[in-house]
All heavy atoms as atom14 arrays in JSON, in Angstrom:
{
  "sequence": "EQRTPYYVAIPIALVAAIAAAGRARPVLVRGLLL",
  "atom14_mask": [
    [1, 1, 1, 1, 1, 1, 1, 1, 1, 0, 0, 0, 0, 0],
    [1, 1, 1, 1, 1, 1, 1, 1, 1, 0, 0, 0, 0, 0],
    [1, 1, 1, 1, 1, 1, 1, 1, 1, 1, 1, 0, 0, 0],
    [1, 1, 1, 1, 1, 1, 1, 0, 0, 0, 0, 0, 0, 0],
    [1, 1, 1, 1, 1, 1, 1, 0, 0, 0, 0, 0, 0, 0],
    [1, 1, 1, 1, 1, 1, 1, 1, 1, 1, 1, 1, 0, 0],
    [1, 1, 1, 1, 1, 1, 1, 1, 1, 1, 1, 1, 0, 0],
    [1, 1, 1, 1, 1, 1, 1, 0, 0, 0, 0, 0, 0, 0],
    [1, 1, 1, 1, 1, 0, 0, 0, 0, 0, 0, 0, 0, 0],
    [1, 1, 1, 1, 1, 1, 1, 1, 0, 0, 0, 0, 0, 0],
    [1, 1, 1, 1, 1, 1, 1, 0, 0, 0, 0, 0, 0, 0],
    [1, 1, 1, 1, 1, 1, 1, 1, 0, 0, 0, 0, 0, 0],
    [1, 1, 1, 1, 1, 0, 0, 0, 0, 0, 0, 0, 0, 0],
    [1, 1, 1, 1, 1, 1, 1, 1, 0, 0, 0, 0, 0, 0],
    [1, 1, 1, 1, 1, 1, 1, 0, 0, 0, 0, 0, 0, 0],
    [1, 1, 1, 1, 1, 0, 0, 0, 0, 0, 0, 0, 0, 0],
    [1, 1, 1, 1, 1, 0, 0, 0, 0, 0, 0, 0, 0, 0],
    [1, 1, 1, 1, 1, 1, 1, 1, 0, 0, 0, 0, 0, 0],
    [1, 1, 1, 1, 1, 0, 0, 0, 0, 0, 0, 0, 0, 0],
    [1, 1, 1, 1, 1, 0, 0, 0, 0, 0, 0, 0, 0, 0],
    [1, 1, 1, 1, 1, 0, 0, 0, 0, 0, 0, 0, 0, 0],
    [1, 1, 1, 1, 0, 0, 0, 0, 0, 0, 0, 0, 0, 0],
    [1, 1, 1, 1, 1, 1, 1, 1, 1, 1, 1, 0, 0, 0],
    [1, 1, 1, 1, 1, 0, 0, 0, 0, 0, 0, 0, 0, 0],
    [1, 1, 1, 1, 1, 1, 1, 1, 1, 1, 1, 0, 0, 0],
    [1, 1, 1, 1, 1, 1, 1, 0, 0, 0, 0, 0, 0, 0],
    [1, 1, 1, 1, 1, 1, 1, 0, 0, 0, 0, 0, 0, 0],
    [1, 1, 1, 1, 1, 1, 1, 1, 0, 0, 0, 0, 0, 0],
    [1, 1, 1, 1, 1, 1, 1, 0, 0, 0, 0, 0, 0, 0],
    [1, 1, 1, 1, 1, 1, 1, 1, 1, 1, 1, 0, 0, 0],
    [1, 1, 1, 1, 0, 0, 0, 0, 0, 0, 0, 0, 0, 0],
    [1, 1, 1, 1, 1, 1, 1, 1, 0, 0, 0, 0, 0, 0],
    [1, 1, 1, 1, 1, 1, 1, 1, 0, 0, 0, 0, 0, 0],
    [1, 1, 1, 1, 1, 1, 1, 1, 0, 0, 0, 0, 0, 0]
  ],
  "atom14_positions": [
    [[6.23, 26.37, 67.25], [5.09, 26.92, 66.64], [4.35, 26.04, 65.69], [3.09, 26.02, 65.59], [5.49, 28.28, 65.88], [4.3, 29.05, 65.39], [4.77, 30.37, 64.74], [5.92, 30.73, 64.91], [3.88, 30.97, 64.12], [0.0, 0.0, 0.0], [0.0, 0.0, 0.0], [0.0, 0.0, 0.0], [0.0, 0.0, 0.0], [0.0, 0.0, 0.0]],
    [[5.1, 25.16, 65.03], [4.49, 24.21, 64.11], [3.64, 23.14, 64.78], [2.86, 22.49, 64.17], [5.6, 23.46, 63.29], [6.29, 24.38, 62.27], [7.39, 23.66, 61.54], [7.11, 22.91, 60.63], [8.55, 23.83, 62.01], [0.0, 0.0, 0.0], [0.0, 0.0, 0.0], [0.0, 0.0, 0.0], [0.0, 0.0, 0.0], [0.0, 0.0, 0.0]],
    [[3.86, 23.0, 66.08], [3.01, 22.02, 66.83], [1.67, 22.5, 67.13], [0.7, 21.74, 67.33], [3.76, 21.65, 68.11], [5.06, 20.91, 67.9], [5.76, 20.6, 69.16], [7.1, 20.1, 68.88], [7.96, 19.76, 69.84], [7.64, 19.86, 71.06], [9.16, 19.29, 69.44], [0.0, 0.0, 0.0], [0.0, 0.0, 0.0], [0.0, 0.0, 0.0]],
    [[1.51, 23.84, 67.24], [0.2, 24.43, 67.58], [-1.0, 23.94, 66.78], [-2.01, 23.57, 67.27], [0.26, 25.95, 67.57], [1.33, 26.32, 68.48], [-1.0, 26.57, 68.01], [0.0, 0.0, 0.0], [0.0, 0.0, 0.0], [0.0, 0.0, 0.0], [0.0, 0.0, 0.0], [0.0, 0.0, 0.0], [0.0, 0.0, 0.0], [0.0, 0.0, 0.0]],
    [[-0.82, 23.92, 65.4], [-2.01, 23.37, 64.62], [-2.43, 21.97, 65.02], [-3.56, 21.62, 65.0], [-1.5, 23.46, 63.17], [-0.44, 24.52, 63.21], [0.21, 24.43, 64.52], [0.0, 0.0, 0.0], [0.0, 0.0, 0.0], [0.0, 0.0, 0.0], [0.0, 0.0, 0.0], [0.0, 0.0, 0.0], [0.0, 0.0, 0.0], [0.0, 0.0, 0.0]],
    [[-1.45, 21.16, 65.41], [-1.72, 19.78, 65.77], [-2.46, 19.74, 67.12], [-3.4, 18.96, 67.29], [-0.46, 18.93, 65.85], [0.1, 18.7, 64.46], [1.13, 19.51, 63.95], [-0.35, 17.71, 63.65], [1.64, 19.35, 62.72], [0.08, 17.46, 62.41], [1.09, 18.27, 61.91], [1.62, 18.1, 60.63], [0.0, 0.0, 0.0], [0.0, 0.0, 0.0]],
    [[-2.05, 20.62, 68.06], [-2.74, 20.72, 69.34], [-4.19, 21.16, 69.11], [-5.06, 20.81, 69.91], [-2.0, 21.58, 70.25], [-0.59, 21.12, 70.67], [0.39, 22.03, 70.77], [-0.35, 19.76, 70.77], [1.7, 21.63, 71.16], [0.96, 19.33, 71.07], [1.96, 20.29, 71.32], [3.22, 19.84, 71.6], [0.0, 0.0, 0.0], [0.0, 0.0, 0.0]],
    [[-4.42, 21.95, 68.14], [-5.78, 22.45, 67.8], [-6.55, 21.28, 67.1], [-7.72, 21.08, 67.29], [-5.72, 23.72, 66.92], [-7.1, 24.07, 66.37], [-5.13, 24.88, 67.78], [0.0, 0.0, 0.0], [0.0, 0.0, 0.0], [0.0, 0.0, 0.0], [0.0, 0.0, 0.0], [0.0, 0.0, 0.0], [0.0, 0.0, 0.0], [0.0, 0.0, 0.0]],
    [[-5.87, 20.63, 66.21], [-6.51, 19.65, 65.27], [-6.93, 18.38, 66.06], [-7.96, 17.8, 65.69], [-5.59, 19.24, 64.14], [0.0, 0.0, 0.0], [0.0, 0.0, 0.0], [0.0, 0.0, 0.0], [0.0, 0.0, 0.0], [0.0, 0.0, 0.0], [0.0, 0.0, 0.0], [0.0, 0.0, 0.0], [0.0, 0.0, 0.0], [0.0, 0.0, 0.0]],
    [[-6.15, 17.9, 66.95], [-6.44, 16.66, 67.65], [-7.82, 16.61, 68.29], [-8.64, 15.72, 68.04], [-5.31, 16.27, 68.63], [-4.05, 15.88, 67.81], [-5.78, 15.14, 69.54], [-2.82, 15.75, 68.67], [0.0, 0.0, 0.0], [0.0, 0.0, 0.0], [0.0, 0.0, 0.0], [0.0, 0.0, 0.0], [0.0, 0.0, 0.0], [0.0, 0.0, 0.0]],
    [[-8.22, 17.61, 69.09], [-9.6, 17.54, 69.69], [-10.63, 17.72, 68.64], [-11.69, 17.14, 68.74], [-9.57, 18.73, 70.7], [-8.31, 19.48, 70.49], [-7.38, 18.7, 69.66], [0.0, 0.0, 0.0], [0.0, 0.0, 0.0], [0.0, 0.0, 0.0], [0.0, 0.0, 0.0], [0.0, 0.0, 0.0], [0.0, 0.0, 0.0], [0.0, 0.0, 0.0]],
    [[-10.35, 18.5, 67.56], [-11.35, 18.7, 66.54], [-11.57, 17.39, 65.82], [-12.68, 16.96, 65.46], [-11.02, 19.84, 65.51], [-10.96, 21.17, 66.28], [-11.98, 19.88, 64.36], [-10.35, 22.31, 65.44], [0.0, 0.0, 0.0], [0.0, 0.0, 0.0], [0.0, 0.0, 0.0], [0.0, 0.0, 0.0], [0.0, 0.0, 0.0], [0.0, 0.0, 0.0]],
    [[-10.47, 16.68, 65.52], [-10.54, 15.36, 64.88], [-11.3, 14.38, 65.75], [-12.11, 13.56, 65.22], [-9.15, 14.84, 64.54], [0.0, 0.0, 0.0], [0.0, 0.0, 0.0], [0.0, 0.0, 0.0], [0.0, 0.0, 0.0], [0.0, 0.0, 0.0], [0.0, 0.0, 0.0], [0.0, 0.0, 0.0], [0.0, 0.0, 0.0], [0.0, 0.0, 0.0]],
    [[-11.1, 14.42, 67.01], [-11.82, 13.51, 67.93], [-13.25, 13.79, 67.92], [-14.07, 12.9, 67.75], [-11.25, 13.69, 69.37], [-11.95, 12.85, 70.45], [-11.8, 11.34, 70.12], [-11.36, 13.18, 71.83], [0.0, 0.0, 0.0], [0.0, 0.0, 0.0], [0.0, 0.0, 0.0], [0.0, 0.0, 0.0], [0.0, 0.0, 0.0], [0.0, 0.0, 0.0]],
    [[-13.65, 15.03, 67.96], [-15.05, 15.38, 67.9], [-15.72, 15.0, 66.53], [-16.73, 14.47, 66.44], [-15.28, 16.91, 68.12], [-16.73, 17.39, 67.9], [-14.86, 17.25, 69.61], [0.0, 0.0, 0.0], [0.0, 0.0, 0.0], [0.0, 0.0, 0.0], [0.0, 0.0, 0.0], [0.0, 0.0, 0.0], [0.0, 0.0, 0.0], [0.0, 0.0, 0.0]],
    [[-14.89, 15.19, 65.43], [-15.36, 14.84, 64.12], [-15.58, 13.33, 64.04], [-16.57, 12.87, 63.44], [-14.35, 15.27, 63.05], [0.0, 0.0, 0.0], [0.0, 0.0, 0.0], [0.0, 0.0, 0.0], [0.0, 0.0, 0.0], [0.0, 0.0, 0.0], [0.0, 0.0, 0.0], [0.0, 0.0, 0.0], [0.0, 0.0, 0.0], [0.0, 0.0, 0.0]],
    [[-14.65, 12.61, 64.58], [-14.8, 11.09, 64.56], [-16.0, 10.59, 65.34], [-16.83, 9.8, 64.92], [-13.51, 10.43, 65.1], [0.0, 0.0, 0.0], [0.0, 0.0, 0.0], [0.0, 0.0, 0.0], [0.0, 0.0, 0.0], [0.0, 0.0, 0.0], [0.0, 0.0, 0.0], [0.0, 0.0, 0.0], [0.0, 0.0, 0.0], [0.0, 0.0, 0.0]],
    [[-16.25, 11.28, 66.54], [-17.39, 10.9, 67.34], [-18.65, 11.31, 66.61], [-19.65, 10.57, 66.62], [-17.29, 11.52, 68.71], [-16.11, 10.9, 69.49], [-18.6, 11.42, 69.46], [-15.79, 11.6, 70.78], [0.0, 0.0, 0.0], [0.0, 0.0, 0.0], [0.0, 0.0, 0.0], [0.0, 0.0, 0.0], [0.0, 0.0, 0.0], [0.0, 0.0, 0.0]],
    [[-18.61, 12.47, 66.01], [-19.82, 12.99, 65.3], [-20.19, 12.12, 64.16], [-21.32, 11.8, 63.91], [-19.63, 14.48, 64.82], [0.0, 0.0, 0.0], [0.0, 0.0, 0.0], [0.0, 0.0, 0.0], [0.0, 0.0, 0.0], [0.0, 0.0, 0.0], [0.0, 0.0, 0.0], [0.0, 0.0, 0.0], [0.0, 0.0, 0.0], [0.0, 0.0, 0.0]],
    [[-19.16, 11.73, 63.36], [-19.38, 10.88, 62.21], [-19.93, 9.48, 62.67], [-20.83, 8.96, 62.04], [-18.11, 10.72, 61.41], [0.0, 0.0, 0.0], [0.0, 0.0, 0.0], [0.0, 0.0, 0.0], [0.0, 0.0, 0.0], [0.0, 0.0, 0.0], [0.0, 0.0, 0.0], [0.0, 0.0, 0.0], [0.0, 0.0, 0.0], [0.0, 0.0, 0.0]],
    [[-19.3, 8.93, 63.73], [-19.74, 7.55, 64.19], [-21.13, 7.68, 64.82], [-21.92, 6.71, 64.75], [-18.75, 7.07, 65.21], [0.0, 0.0, 0.0], [0.0, 0.0, 0.0], [0.0, 0.0, 0.0], [0.0, 0.0, 0.0], [0.0, 0.0, 0.0], [0.0, 0.0, 0.0], [0.0, 0.0, 0.0], [0.0, 0.0, 0.0], [0.0, 0.0, 0.0]],
    [[-21.45, 8.83, 65.43], [-22.76, 8.98, 66.11], [-23.8, 9.49, 65.12], [-24.91, 9.86, 65.55], [0.0, 0.0, 0.0], [0.0, 0.0, 0.0], [0.0, 0.0, 0.0], [0.0, 0.0, 0.0], [0.0, 0.0, 0.0], [0.0, 0.0, 0.0], [0.0, 0.0, 0.0], [0.0, 0.0, 0.0], [0.0, 0.0, 0.0], [0.0, 0.0, 0.0]],
    [[-23.54, 9.57, 63.88], [-24.51, 9.97, 62.83], [-25.07, 11.33, 63.11], [-26.26, 11.61, 63.04], [-25.62, 8.96, 62.75], [-25.08, 7.6, 62.36], [-26.17, 6.62, 62.26], [-25.55, 5.31, 61.98], [-26.14, 4.37, 61.19], [-27.34, 4.61, 60.65], [-25.52, 3.26, 60.94], [0.0, 0.0, 0.0], [0.0, 0.0, 0.0], [0.0, 0.0, 0.0]],
    [[-24.15, 12.28, 63.45], [-24.55, 13.64, 63.58], [-24.97, 14.27, 62.27], [-24.67, 13.67, 61.23], [-23.36, 14.45, 64.22], [0.0, 0.0, 0.0], [0.0, 0.0, 0.0], [0.0, 0.0, 0.0], [0.0, 0.0, 0.0], [0.0, 0.0, 0.0], [0.0, 0.0, 0.0], [0.0, 0.0, 0.0], [0.0, 0.0, 0.0], [0.0, 0.0, 0.0]],
    [[-25.48, 15.43, 62.3], [-25.86, 16.12, 61.07], [-24.71, 16.24, 60.1], [-23.62, 16.53, 60.53], [-26.5, 17.46, 61.35], [-27.79, 17.37, 62.17], [-28.57, 18.63, 61.98], [-29.81, 18.53, 62.64], [-30.93, 18.06, 62.1], [-30.87, 17.62, 60.85], [-32.05, 18.02, 62.73], [0.0, 0.0, 0.0], [0.0, 0.0, 0.0], [0.0, 0.0, 0.0]],
    [[-25.0, 15.99, 58.83], [-23.83, 16.06, 57.84], [-23.11, 17.41, 57.86], [-21.91, 17.44, 57.71], [-24.59, 15.84, 56.51], [-25.76, 14.98, 56.87], [-26.18, 15.51, 58.22], [0.0, 0.0, 0.0], [0.0, 0.0, 0.0], [0.0, 0.0, 0.0], [0.0, 0.0, 0.0], [0.0, 0.0, 0.0], [0.0, 0.0, 0.0], [0.0, 0.0, 0.0]],
    [[-23.83, 18.48, 58.06], [-23.23, 19.84, 58.06], [-22.2, 19.9, 59.19], [-21.16, 20.58, 59.05], [-24.23, 20.98, 58.04], [-24.96, 21.05, 59.37], [-23.62, 22.25, 57.65], [0.0, 0.0, 0.0], [0.0, 0.0, 0.0], [0.0, 0.0, 0.0], [0.0, 0.0, 0.0], [0.0, 0.0, 0.0], [0.0, 0.0, 0.0], [0.0, 0.0, 0.0]],
    [[-22.46, 19.27, 60.35], [-21.5, 19.3, 61.42], [-20.31, 18.47, 61.07], [-19.15, 18.93, 61.28], [-22.19, 18.76, 62.71], [-21.25, 18.6, 63.95], [-20.67, 19.96, 64.39], [-21.96, 17.91, 65.02], [0.0, 0.0, 0.0], [0.0, 0.0, 0.0], [0.0, 0.0, 0.0], [0.0, 0.0, 0.0], [0.0, 0.0, 0.0], [0.0, 0.0, 0.0]],
    [[-20.52, 17.29, 60.63], [-19.36, 16.4, 60.32], [-18.54, 17.01, 59.21], [-17.27, 17.16, 59.37], [-19.86, 14.98, 59.85], [-18.65, 14.14, 59.45], [-20.56, 14.31, 61.02], [0.0, 0.0, 0.0], [0.0, 0.0, 0.0], [0.0, 0.0, 0.0], [0.0, 0.0, 0.0], [0.0, 0.0, 0.0], [0.0, 0.0, 0.0], [0.0, 0.0, 0.0]],
    [[-19.12, 17.49, 58.13], [-18.38, 18.03, 57.06], [-17.73, 19.36, 57.43], [-16.69, 19.71, 56.99], [-19.3, 18.2, 55.82], [-19.62, 16.85, 55.18], [-20.56, 17.06, 53.96], [-21.02, 15.87, 53.33], [-20.32, 15.23, 52.39], [-19.14, 15.78, 51.95], [-20.83, 14.11, 51.87], [0.0, 0.0, 0.0], [0.0, 0.0, 0.0], [0.0, 0.0, 0.0]],
    [[-18.42, 20.11, 58.28], [-17.91, 21.38, 58.75], [-16.65, 21.19, 59.63], [-15.65, 21.91, 59.42], [0.0, 0.0, 0.0], [0.0, 0.0, 0.0], [0.0, 0.0, 0.0], [0.0, 0.0, 0.0], [0.0, 0.0, 0.0], [0.0, 0.0, 0.0], [0.0, 0.0, 0.0], [0.0, 0.0, 0.0], [0.0, 0.0, 0.0], [0.0, 0.0, 0.0]],
    [[-16.7, 20.16, 60.46], [-15.46, 19.84, 61.23], [-14.34, 19.39, 60.35], [-13.13, 19.78, 60.63], [-15.8, 18.75, 62.29], [-16.68, 19.23, 63.45], [-17.19, 18.01, 64.27], [-15.91, 20.19, 64.35], [0.0, 0.0, 0.0], [0.0, 0.0, 0.0], [0.0, 0.0, 0.0], [0.0, 0.0, 0.0], [0.0, 0.0, 0.0], [0.0, 0.0, 0.0]],
    [[-14.64, 18.62, 59.31], [-13.6, 18.17, 58.37], [-13.05, 19.38, 57.59], [-11.76, 19.44, 57.41], [-14.15, 17.13, 57.4], [-14.45, 15.77, 58.03], [-15.26, 14.91, 57.11], [-13.17, 15.1, 58.5], [0.0, 0.0, 0.0], [0.0, 0.0, 0.0], [0.0, 0.0, 0.0], [0.0, 0.0, 0.0], [0.0, 0.0, 0.0], [0.0, 0.0, 0.0]],
    [[-13.88, 20.33, 57.27], [-13.41, 21.54, 56.61], [-12.5, 22.36, 57.51], [-11.41, 22.76, 57.13], [-14.59, 22.46, 56.18], [-14.24, 23.76, 55.59], [-13.43, 23.61, 54.32], [-15.54, 24.5, 55.25], [0.0, 0.0, 0.0], [0.0, 0.0, 0.0], [0.0, 0.0, 0.0], [0.0, 0.0, 0.0], [0.0, 0.0, 0.0], [0.0, 0.0, 0.0]]
  ]
}
């Protein structure tokens, strides 16, 4: 059960990294980090 948050977090972190590198809107990047 402790692995589930990681399985959720990995794709979100990938999207956040791409959004940050691609200069997406700050609310999207910060929202993903939140």
